[in-house]
PDB file of N, CA and C in Angstrom:
ATOM      1  N   UNK A   1      80.368 114.712  78.543  1.00  0.00           N
ATOM      2  CA  UNK A   1      80.432 114.533  79.989  1.00  0.00           C
ATOM      3  C   UNK A   1      80.691 113.178  80.259  1.00  0.00           C
ATOM      4  N   UNK A   2      81.396 112.919  81.289  1.00  0.00           N
ATOM      5  CA  UNK A   2      81.621 111.459  81.693  1.00  0.00           C
ATOM      6  C   UNK A   2      80.499 110.961  82.312  1.00  0.00           C
ATOM      7  N   UNK A   3      80.309 109.633  81.956  1.00  0.00           N
ATOM      8  CA  UNK A   3      78.974 108.974  82.546  1.00  0.00           C
ATOM      9  C   UNK A   3      79.448 108.452  83.923  1.00  0.00           C
ATOM     10  N   UNK A   4      78.483 108.205  84.763  1.00  0.00           N
ATOM     11  CA  UNK A   4      78.771 107.627  86.088  1.00  0.00           C
ATOM     12  C   UNK A   4      79.057 108.691  87.006  1.00  0.00           C
ATOM     13  N   UNK A   5      79.061 110.007  86.754  1.00  0.00           N
ATOM     14  CA  UNK A   5      79.325 111.102  87.680  1.00  0.00           C
ATOM     15  C   UNK A   5      77.959 111.583  88.080  1.00  0.00           C
ATOM     16  N   UNK A   6      77.750 111.732  89.315  1.00  0.00           N
ATOM     17  CA  UNK A   6      76.376 112.345  89.829  1.00  0.00           C
ATOM     18  C   UNK A   6      76.384 113.777  89.541  1.00  0.00           C
ATOM     19  N   UNK A   7      75.293 114.216  89.245  1.00  0.00           N
ATOM     20  CA  UNK A   7      75.053 115.686  88.985  1.00  0.00           C
ATOM     21  C   UNK A   7      73.606 116.190  89.773  1.00  0.00           C
ATOM     22  N   UNK A   8      73.786 117.252  90.230  1.00  0.00           N
ATOM     23  CA  UNK A   8      72.683 117.852  90.986  1.00  0.00           C
ATOM     24  C   UNK A   8      71.515 118.185  89.916  1.00  0.00           C
ATOM     25  N   UNK A   9      72.001 118.770  88.866  1.00  0.00           N
ATOM     26  CA  UNK A   9      71.167 119.109  87.904  1.00  0.00           C
ATOM     27  C   UNK A   9      70.520 117.950  87.000  1.00  0.00           C
ATOM     28  N   UNK A  10      71.114 116.861  86.955  1.00  0.00           N
ATOM     29  CA  UNK A  10      70.702 115.800  86.122  1.00  0.00           C
ATOM     30  C   UNK A  10      70.873 116.050  84.666  1.00  0.00           C
ATOM     31  N   UNK A  11      71.390 117.177  84.272  1.00  0.00           N
ATOM     32  CA  UNK A  11      71.708 117.499  82.923  1.00  0.00           C
ATOM     33  C   UNK A  11      72.398 116.677  81.996  1.00  0.00           C
ATOM     34  N   UNK A  12      72.087 116.410  80.804  1.00  0.00           N
ATOM     35  CA  UNK A  12      72.828 115.663  79.875  1.00  0.00           C
ATOM     36  C   UNK A  12      73.919 116.479  78.984  1.00  0.00           C
ATOM     37  N   UNK A  13      73.999 117.800  79.183  1.00  0.00           N
ATOM     38  CA  UNK A  13      75.054 118.525  78.284  1.00  0.00           C
ATOM     39  C   UNK A  13      75.450 119.743  79.188  1.00  0.00           C
ATOM     40  N   UNK A  14      76.462 120.333  78.717  1.00  0.00           N
ATOM     41  CA  UNK A  14      77.230 121.459  79.467  1.00  0.00           C
ATOM     42  C   UNK A  14      76.123 122.623  79.431  1.00  0.00           C
ATOM     43  N   UNK A  15      75.456 122.744  78.165  1.00  0.00           N
ATOM     44  CA  UNK A  15      74.444 123.772  77.979  1.00  0.00           C
ATOM     45  C   UNK A  15      73.392 123.724  78.967  1.00  0.00           C
ATOM     46  N   UNK A  16      72.867 122.428  79.232  1.00  0.00           N
ATOM     47  CA  UNK A  16      71.777 122.173  80.153  1.00  0.00           C
ATOM     48  C   UNK A  16      72.164 122.533  81.539  1.00  0.00           C
ATOM     49  N   UNK A  17      73.443 122.223  81.904  1.00  0.00           N
ATOM     50  CA  UNK A  17      73.872 122.554  83.189  1.00  0.00           C
ATOM     51  C   UNK A  17      73.813 123.911  83.413  1.00  0.00           C
ATOM     52  N   UNK A  18      74.291 124.712  82.496  1.00  0.00           N
ATOM     53  CA  UNK A  18      74.365 126.240  82.557  1.00  0.00           C
ATOM     54  C   UNK A  18      72.875 126.751  82.700  1.00  0.00           C
ATOM     55  N   UNK A  19      71.961 126.266  81.991  1.00  0.00           N
ATOM     56  CA  UNK A  19      70.634 126.581  81.905  1.00  0.00           C
ATOM     57  C   UNK A  19      70.066 126.311  83.265  1.00  0.00           C
ATOM     58  N   UNK A  20      70.390 125.166  83.862  1.00  0.00           N
ATOM     59  CA  UNK A  20      69.924 124.730  85.302  1.00  0.00           C
ATOM     60  C   UNK A  20      70.299 125.970  86.356  1.00  0.00           C
ATOM     61  N   UNK A  21      71.474 126.090  86.357  1.00  0.00           N
ATOM     62  CA  UNK A  21      72.158 126.959  87.335  1.00  0.00           C
ATOM     63  C   UNK A  21      71.869 128.519  87.084  1.00  0.00           C
ATOM     64  N   UNK A  22      71.311 128.698  85.801  1.00  0.00           N
ATOM     65  CA  UNK A  22      70.873 130.133  85.593  1.00  0.00           C
ATOM     66  C   UNK A  22      69.601 130.416  86.325  1.00  0.00           C
ATOM     67  N   UNK A  23      68.701 129.512  86.734  1.00  0.00           N
ATOM     68  CA  UNK A  23      67.497 129.526  87.362  1.00  0.00           C
ATOM     69  C   UNK A  23      67.436 128.974  88.799  1.00  0.00           C
ATOM     70  N   UNK A  24      68.575 128.254  89.191  1.00  0.00           N
ATOM     71  CA  UNK A  24      68.561 127.775  90.495  1.00  0.00           C
ATOM     72  C   UNK A  24      69.729 128.508  91.284  1.00  0.00           C
ATOM     73  N   UNK A  25      69.667 128.309  92.690  1.00  0.00           N
ATOM     74  CA  UNK A  25      70.552 128.848  93.556  1.00  0.00           C
ATOM     75  C   UNK A  25      71.304 127.650  94.283  1.00  0.00           C
ATOM     76  N   UNK A  26      72.667 127.798  94.309  1.00  0.00           N
ATOM     77  CA  UNK A  26      73.515 126.627  94.964  1.00  0.00           C
ATOM     78  C   UNK A  26      73.173 126.303  96.404  1.00  0.00           C
ATOM     79  N   UNK A  27      72.769 127.698  97.224  1.00  0.00           N
ATOM     80  CA  UNK A  27      72.440 127.466  98.480  1.00  0.00           C
ATOM     81  C   UNK A  27      71.277 126.446  98.715  1.00  0.00           C
ATOM     82  N   UNK A  28      70.402 126.345  97.675  1.00  0.00           N
ATOM     83  CA  UNK A  28      69.285 125.499  97.824  1.00  0.00           C
ATOM     84  C   UNK A  28      69.735 123.933  97.731  1.00  0.00           C
ATOM     85  N   UNK A  29      70.879 123.650  97.187  1.00  0.00           N
ATOM     86  CA  UNK A  29      71.443 122.330  97.051  1.00  0.00           C
ATOM     87  C   UNK A  29      72.777 122.110  97.782  1.00  0.00           C
ATOM     88  N   UNK A  30      73.127 123.033  98.756  1.00  0.00           N
ATOM     89  CA  UNK A  30      74.308 122.907  99.418  1.00  0.00           C
ATOM     90  C   UNK A  30      74.571 121.495 100.110  1.00  0.00           C
ATOM     91  N   UNK A  31      73.600 120.990 100.650  1.00  0.00           N
ATOM     92  CA  UNK A  31      73.855 119.563 101.389  1.00  0.00           C
ATOM     93  C   UNK A  31      74.070 118.585 100.573  1.00  0.00           C
ATOM     94  N   UNK A  32      74.038 118.888  99.175  1.00  0.00           N
ATOM     95  CA  UNK A  32      74.232 117.730  98.199  1.00  0.00           C
ATOM     96  C   UNK A  32      75.685 117.753  97.888  1.00  0.00           C
ATOM     97  N   UNK A  33      76.292 118.827  98.056  1.00  0.00           N
ATOM     98  CA  UNK A  33      77.703 119.069  97.437  1.00  0.00           C
ATOM     99  C   UNK A  33      78.737 118.237  98.423  1.00  0.00           C
ATOM    100  N   UNK A  34      79.852 117.967  97.721  1.00  0.00           N
ATOM    101  CA  UNK A  34      80.931 117.313  98.365  1.00  0.00           C
ATOM    102  C   UNK A  34      82.267 118.242  98.101  1.00  0.00           C
ATOM    103  N   UNK A  35      83.265 118.170  99.035  1.00  0.00           N
ATOM    104  CA  UNK A  35      84.482 118.908  98.934  1.00  0.00           C
ATOM    105  C   UNK A  35      85.319 118.315  97.770  1.00  0.00           C
ATOM    106  N   UNK A  36      85.933 119.124  97.206  1.00  0.00           N
ATOM    107  CA  UNK A  36      86.867 118.597  96.005  1.00  0.00           C
ATOM    108  C   UNK A  36      88.241 119.293  96.099  1.00  0.00           C
ATOM    109  N   UNK A  37      89.274 118.794  95.480  1.00  0.00           N
ATOM    110  CA  UNK A  37      90.347 119.638  95.303  1.00  0.00           C
ATOM    111  C   UNK A  37      90.911 119.585  93.928  1.00  0.00           C
ATOM    112  N   UNK A  38      91.533 120.518  93.352  1.00  0.00           N
ATOM    113  CA  UNK A  38      91.955 120.500  91.961  1.00  0.00           C
ATOM    114  C   UNK A  38      93.059 121.644  91.761  1.00  0.00           C
ATOM    115  N   UNK A  39      93.859 121.444  90.894  1.00  0.00           N
ATOM    116  CA  UNK A  39      94.883 122.444  90.658  1.00  0.00           C
ATOM    117  C   UNK A  39      94.577 123.168  89.432  1.00  0.00           C
ATOM    118  N   UNK A  40      94.885 124.743  89.547  1.00  0.00           N
ATOM    119  CA  UNK A  40      94.692 125.506  88.619  1.00  0.00           C
ATOM    120  C   UNK A  40      95.898 126.189  87.983  1.00  0.00           C
ATOM    121  N   UNK A  41      95.940 126.135  86.716  1.00  0.00           N
ATOM    122  CA  UNK A  41      97.129 126.833  86.145  1.00  0.00           C
ATOM    123  C   UNK A  41      96.771 128.221  85.684  1.00  0.00           C
ATOM    124  N   UNK A  42      97.335 129.212  86.254  1.00  0.00           N
ATOM    125  CA  UNK A  42      97.051 130.641  86.140  1.00  0.00           C
ATOM    126  C   UNK A  42      97.804 131.320  84.989  1.00  0.00           C
ATOM    127  N   UNK A  43      98.703 130.552  84.314  1.00  0.00           N
ATOM    128  CA  UNK A  43      99.511 131.199  83.433  1.00  0.00           C
ATOM    129  C   UNK A  43      98.571 131.442  82.046  1.00  0.00           C
ATOM    130  N   UNK A  44      98.807 132.695  81.744  1.00  0.00           N
ATOM    131  CA  UNK A  44      97.944 133.239  80.649  1.00  0.00           C
ATOM    132  C   UNK A  44      98.542 132.681  79.340  1.00  0.00           C
ATOM    133  N   UNK A  45      97.521 132.264  78.385  1.00  0.00           N
ATOM    134  CA  UNK A  45      97.905 131.969  76.927  1.00  0.00           C
ATOM    135  C   UNK A  45      98.147 133.266  76.135  1.00  0.00           C
ATOM    136  N   UNK A  46      97.932 134.295  76.725  1.00  0.00           N
ATOM    137  CA  UNK A  46      98.103 135.596  75.818  1.00  0.00           C
ATOM    138  C   UNK A  46      99.055 136.433  76.591  1.00  0.00           C
ATOM    139  N   UNK A  47      99.905 137.056  75.820  1.00  0.00           N
ATOM    140  CA  UNK A  47     100.873 137.983  76.407  1.00  0.00           C
ATOM    141  C   UNK A  47     100.522 139.274  75.890  1.00  0.00           C
ATOM    142  N   UNK A  48     100.621 140.362  76.722  1.00  0.00           N
ATOM    143  CA  UNK A  48     100.100 141.761  76.515  1.00  0.00           C
ATOM    144  C   UNK A  48     101.356 142.641  76.379  1.00  0.00           C
ATOM    145  N   UNK A  49     101.445 143.575  75.462  1.00  0.00           N
ATOM    146  CA  UNK A  49     102.609 144.450  75.166  1.00  0.00           C
ATOM    147  C   UNK A  49     101.962 145.800  75.136  1.00  0.00           C
ATOM    148  N   UNK A  50     102.728 146.687  75.755  1.00  0.00           N
ATOM    149  CA  UNK A  50     102.180 148.166  75.720  1.00  0.00           C
ATOM    150  C   UNK A  50     102.227 148.638  74.342  1.00  0.00           C
ATOM    151  N   UNK A  51     101.249 149.477  74.001  1.00  0.00           N
ATOM    152  CA  UNK A  51     101.139 149.955  72.647  1.00  0.00           C
ATOM    153  C   UNK A  51     100.569 151.499  72.614  1.00  0.00           C
ATOM    154  N   UNK A  52     101.273 152.250  72.103  1.00  0.00           N
ATOM    155  CA  UNK A  52     101.031 153.725  71.970  1.00  0.00           C
ATOM    156  C   UNK A  52      99.511 153.896  71.543  1.00  0.00           C
ATOM    157  N   UNK A  53      98.793 154.711  72.321  1.00  0.00           N
ATOM    158  CA  UNK A  53      97.377 155.044  71.964  1.00  0.00           C
ATOM    159  C   UNK A  53      97.068 155.135  70.450  1.00  0.00           C
ATOM    160  N   UNK A  54      98.050 156.213  70.085  1.00  0.00           N
ATOM    161  CA  UNK A  54      97.620 156.564  68.601  1.00  0.00           C
ATOM    162  C   UNK A  54      97.932 155.384  67.626  1.00  0.00           C
ATOM    163  N   UNK A  55      98.917 154.496  67.842  1.00  0.00           N
ATOM    164  CA  UNK A  55      99.016 153.202  67.130  1.00  0.00           C
ATOM    165  C   UNK A  55      97.799 152.411  67.205  1.00  0.00           C
ATOM    166  N   UNK A  56      97.289 152.189  68.487  1.00  0.00           N
ATOM    167  CA  UNK A  56      96.190 151.599  68.840  1.00  0.00           C
ATOM    168  C   UNK A  56      94.911 151.949  68.011  1.00  0.00           C
ATOM    169  N   UNK A  57      94.759 153.280  68.098  1.00  0.00           N
ATOM    170  CA  UNK A  57      93.634 153.721  67.088  1.00  0.00           C
ATOM    171  C   UNK A  57      93.629 153.500  65.631  1.00  0.00           C
ATOM    172  N   UNK A  58      94.905 153.505  65.247  1.00  0.00           N
ATOM    173  CA  UNK A  58      95.155 153.285  63.869  1.00  0.00           C
ATOM    174  C   UNK A  58      94.830 151.871  63.497  1.00  0.00           C
ATOM    175  N   UNK A  59      95.313 151.037  64.357  1.00  0.00           N
ATOM    176  CA  UNK A  59      94.992 149.522  64.106  1.00  0.00           C
ATOM    177  C   UNK A  59      93.515 149.238  64.284  1.00  0.00           C
ATOM    178  N   UNK A  60      92.698 149.872  65.207  1.00  0.00           N
ATOM    179  CA  UNK A  60      91.448 149.706  65.158  1.00  0.00           C
ATOM    180  C   UNK A  60      90.726 150.106  63.919  1.00  0.00           C
ATOM    181  N   UNK A  61      91.011 151.166  63.301  1.00  0.00           N
ATOM    182  CA  UNK A  61      90.332 151.843  62.248  1.00  0.00           C
ATOM    183  C   UNK A  61      90.769 150.676  61.007  1.00  0.00           C
ATOM    184  N   UNK A  62      92.034 150.372  60.849  1.00  0.00           N
ATOM    185  CA  UNK A  62      92.284 149.424  59.805  1.00  0.00           C
ATOM    186  C   UNK A  62      91.455 148.011  59.867  1.00  0.00           C
ATOM    187  N   UNK A  63      91.593 147.584  61.246  1.00  0.00           N
ATOM    188  CA  UNK A  63      90.894 146.399  61.431  1.00  0.00           C
ATOM    189  C   UNK A  63      89.344 146.406  61.142  1.00  0.00           C
ATOM    190  N   UNK A  64      88.742 147.473  61.478  1.00  0.00           N
ATOM    191  CA  UNK A  64      87.252 147.721  61.176  1.00  0.00           C
ATOM    192  C   UNK A  64      87.284 147.748  59.695  1.00  0.00           C
ATOM    193  N   UNK A  65      87.999 148.382  58.990  1.00  0.00           N
ATOM    194  CA  UNK A  65      87.971 148.579  57.669  1.00  0.00           C
ATOM    195  C   UNK A  65      88.010 147.166  56.863  1.00  0.00           C
ATOM    196  N   UNK A  66      88.920 146.280  57.483  1.00  0.00           N
ATOM    197  CA  UNK A  66      89.124 144.913  56.885  1.00  0.00           C
ATOM    198  C   UNK A  66      88.129 143.922  57.622  1.00  0.00           C
ATOM    199  N   UNK A  67      87.358 144.380  58.426  1.00  0.00           N
ATOM    200  CA  UNK A  67      86.388 143.376  59.104  1.00  0.00           C
ATOM    201  C   UNK A  67      86.899 142.369  59.916  1.00  0.00           C
ATOM    202  N   UNK A  68      87.917 142.681  60.574  1.00  0.00           N
ATOM    203  CA  UNK A  68      88.686 141.738  61.723  1.00  0.00           C
ATOM    204  C   UNK A  68      88.861 142.467  62.957  1.00  0.00           C
ATOM    205  N   UNK A  69      88.879 141.676  63.926  1.00  0.00           N
ATOM    206  CA  UNK A  69      89.177 142.110  65.294  1.00  0.00           C
ATOM    207  C   UNK A  69      90.652 142.752  65.399  1.00  0.00           C
ATOM    208  N   UNK A  70      90.777 143.850  66.094  1.00  0.00           N
ATOM    209  CA  UNK A  70      92.136 144.339  66.310  1.00  0.00           C
ATOM    210  C   UNK A  70      93.253 143.369  66.545  1.00  0.00           C
ATOM    211  N   UNK A  71      93.023 142.502  67.634  1.00  0.00           N
ATOM    212  CA  UNK A  71      93.986 141.467  67.942  1.00  0.00           C
ATOM    213  C   UNK A  71      94.402 140.635  66.980  1.00  0.00           C
ATOM    214  N   UNK A  72      93.455 140.306  66.029  1.00  0.00           N
ATOM    215  CA  UNK A  72      93.635 139.311  64.945  1.00  0.00           C
ATOM    216  C   UNK A  72      94.481 140.058  64.033  1.00  0.00           C
ATOM    217  N   UNK A  73      94.212 141.284  63.849  1.00  0.00           N
ATOM    218  CA  UNK A  73      95.069 142.060  62.721  1.00  0.00           C
ATOM    219  C   UNK A  73      96.527 142.119  63.222  1.00  0.00           C
ATOM    220  N   UNK A  74      96.722 142.489  64.613  1.00  0.00           N
ATOM    221  CA  UNK A  74      98.017 142.525  65.184  1.00  0.00           C
ATOM    222  C   UNK A  74      98.740 141.144  65.115  1.00  0.00           C
ATOM    223  N   UNK A  75      98.039 140.185  65.470  1.00  0.00           N
ATOM    224  CA  UNK A  75      98.695 138.785  65.518  1.00  0.00           C
ATOM    225  C   UNK A  75      99.133 138.440  64.047  1.00  0.00           C
ATOM    226  N   UNK A  76      98.284 138.741  62.973  1.00  0.00           N
ATOM    227  CA  UNK A  76      98.641 138.390  61.646  1.00  0.00           C
ATOM    228  C   UNK A  76     100.000 139.234  61.194  1.00  0.00           C
ATOM    229  N   UNK A  77     100.050 140.543  61.557  1.00  0.00           N
ATOM    230  CA  UNK A  77     100.979 141.294  61.164  1.00  0.00           C
ATOM    231  C   UNK A  77     102.373 140.883  61.909  1.00  0.00           C
ATOM    232  N   UNK A  78     102.174 140.706  63.208  1.00  0.00           N
ATOM    233  CA  UNK A  78     103.351 140.047  63.843  1.00  0.00           C
ATOM    234  C   UNK A  78     103.857 138.712  63.402  1.00  0.00           C
ATOM    235  N   UNK A  79     103.051 137.923  63.013  1.00  0.00           N
ATOM    236  CA  UNK A  79     103.380 136.611  62.551  1.00  0.00           C
ATOM    237  C   UNK A  79     104.075 136.837  61.147  1.00  0.00           C
ATOM    238  N   UNK A  80     103.553 137.633  60.262  1.00  0.00           N
ATOM    239  CA  UNK A  80     104.109 137.833  58.920  1.00  0.00           C
ATOM    240  C   UNK A  80     105.575 138.493  59.100  1.00  0.00           C
ATOM    241  N   UNK A  81     105.751 139.403  59.909  1.00  0.00           N
ATOM    242  CA  UNK A  81     107.024 140.085  60.123  1.00  0.00           C
ATOM    243  C   UNK A  81     108.067 139.140  60.801  1.00  0.00           C
ATOM    244  N   UNK A  82     107.563 138.151  61.703  1.00  0.00           N
ATOM    245  CA  UNK A  82     108.397 137.202  62.242  1.00  0.00           C
ATOM    246  C   UNK A  82     109.003 136.292  61.359  1.00  0.00           C
ATOM    247  N   UNK A  83     108.127 135.771  60.386  1.00  0.00           N
ATOM    248  CA  UNK A  83     108.565 134.834  59.240  1.00  0.00           C
ATOM    249  C   UNK A  83     109.505 135.456  58.388  1.00  0.00           C
ATOM    250  N   UNK A  84     109.365 136.770  58.133  1.00  0.00           N
ATOM    251  CA  UNK A  84     110.266 137.464  57.193  1.00  0.00           C
ATOM    252  C   UNK A  84     111.570 137.617  57.997  1.00  0.00           C
ATOM    253  N   UNK A  85     111.491 137.845  59.287  1.00  0.00           N
ATOM    254  CA  UNK A  85     112.852 138.020  60.088  1.00  0.00           C
ATOM    255  C   UNK A  85     113.543 136.722  60.258  1.00  0.00           C
ATOM    256  N   UNK A  86     112.666 135.704  60.389  1.00  0.00           N
ATOM    257  CA  UNK A  86     113.470 134.310  60.574  1.00  0.00           C
ATOM    258  C   UNK A  86     114.057 133.823  59.125  1.00  0.00           C
ATOM    259  N   UNK A  87     113.413 134.206  58.212  1.00  0.00           N
ATOM    260  CA  UNK A  87     113.867 133.888  56.849  1.00  0.00           C
ATOM    261  C   UNK A  87     115.232 134.622  56.572  1.00  0.00           C
ATOM    262  N   UNK A  88     115.440 135.573  57.024  1.00  0.00           N
ATOM    263  CA  UNK A  88     116.538 136.580  56.655  1.00  0.00           C
ATOM    264  C   UNK A  88     117.808 136.126  57.210  1.00  0.00           C
TER     265      UNK A  88
END
C-alpha cells in the first residue's frame, strides 16, 4: 500500500482493510469519503467458446481423473495443439 494515503480503516494491509469492512458499514463513515474518478478496462482476459455439453462432461471426467480443473486441461490441450499446428 502506498504510504501517505489516508484510510478510514487505518489498516496496514489489504487483508486488514477487508476485515475492517467486513464488520463496518460505509454509511457510518460516509462523511469521511471524497469523490474520485478512475477508468475501468472491462475487456475480459478470458475468451469463452461454446462447447457441446457431451464434450464438456467428458472433459470434466478426464480433468477430475487427472486432478486438474477442466479449464486448465482445455488450455493445456489447446496450447499443445497450437504448438503442433504452428510447427507444421
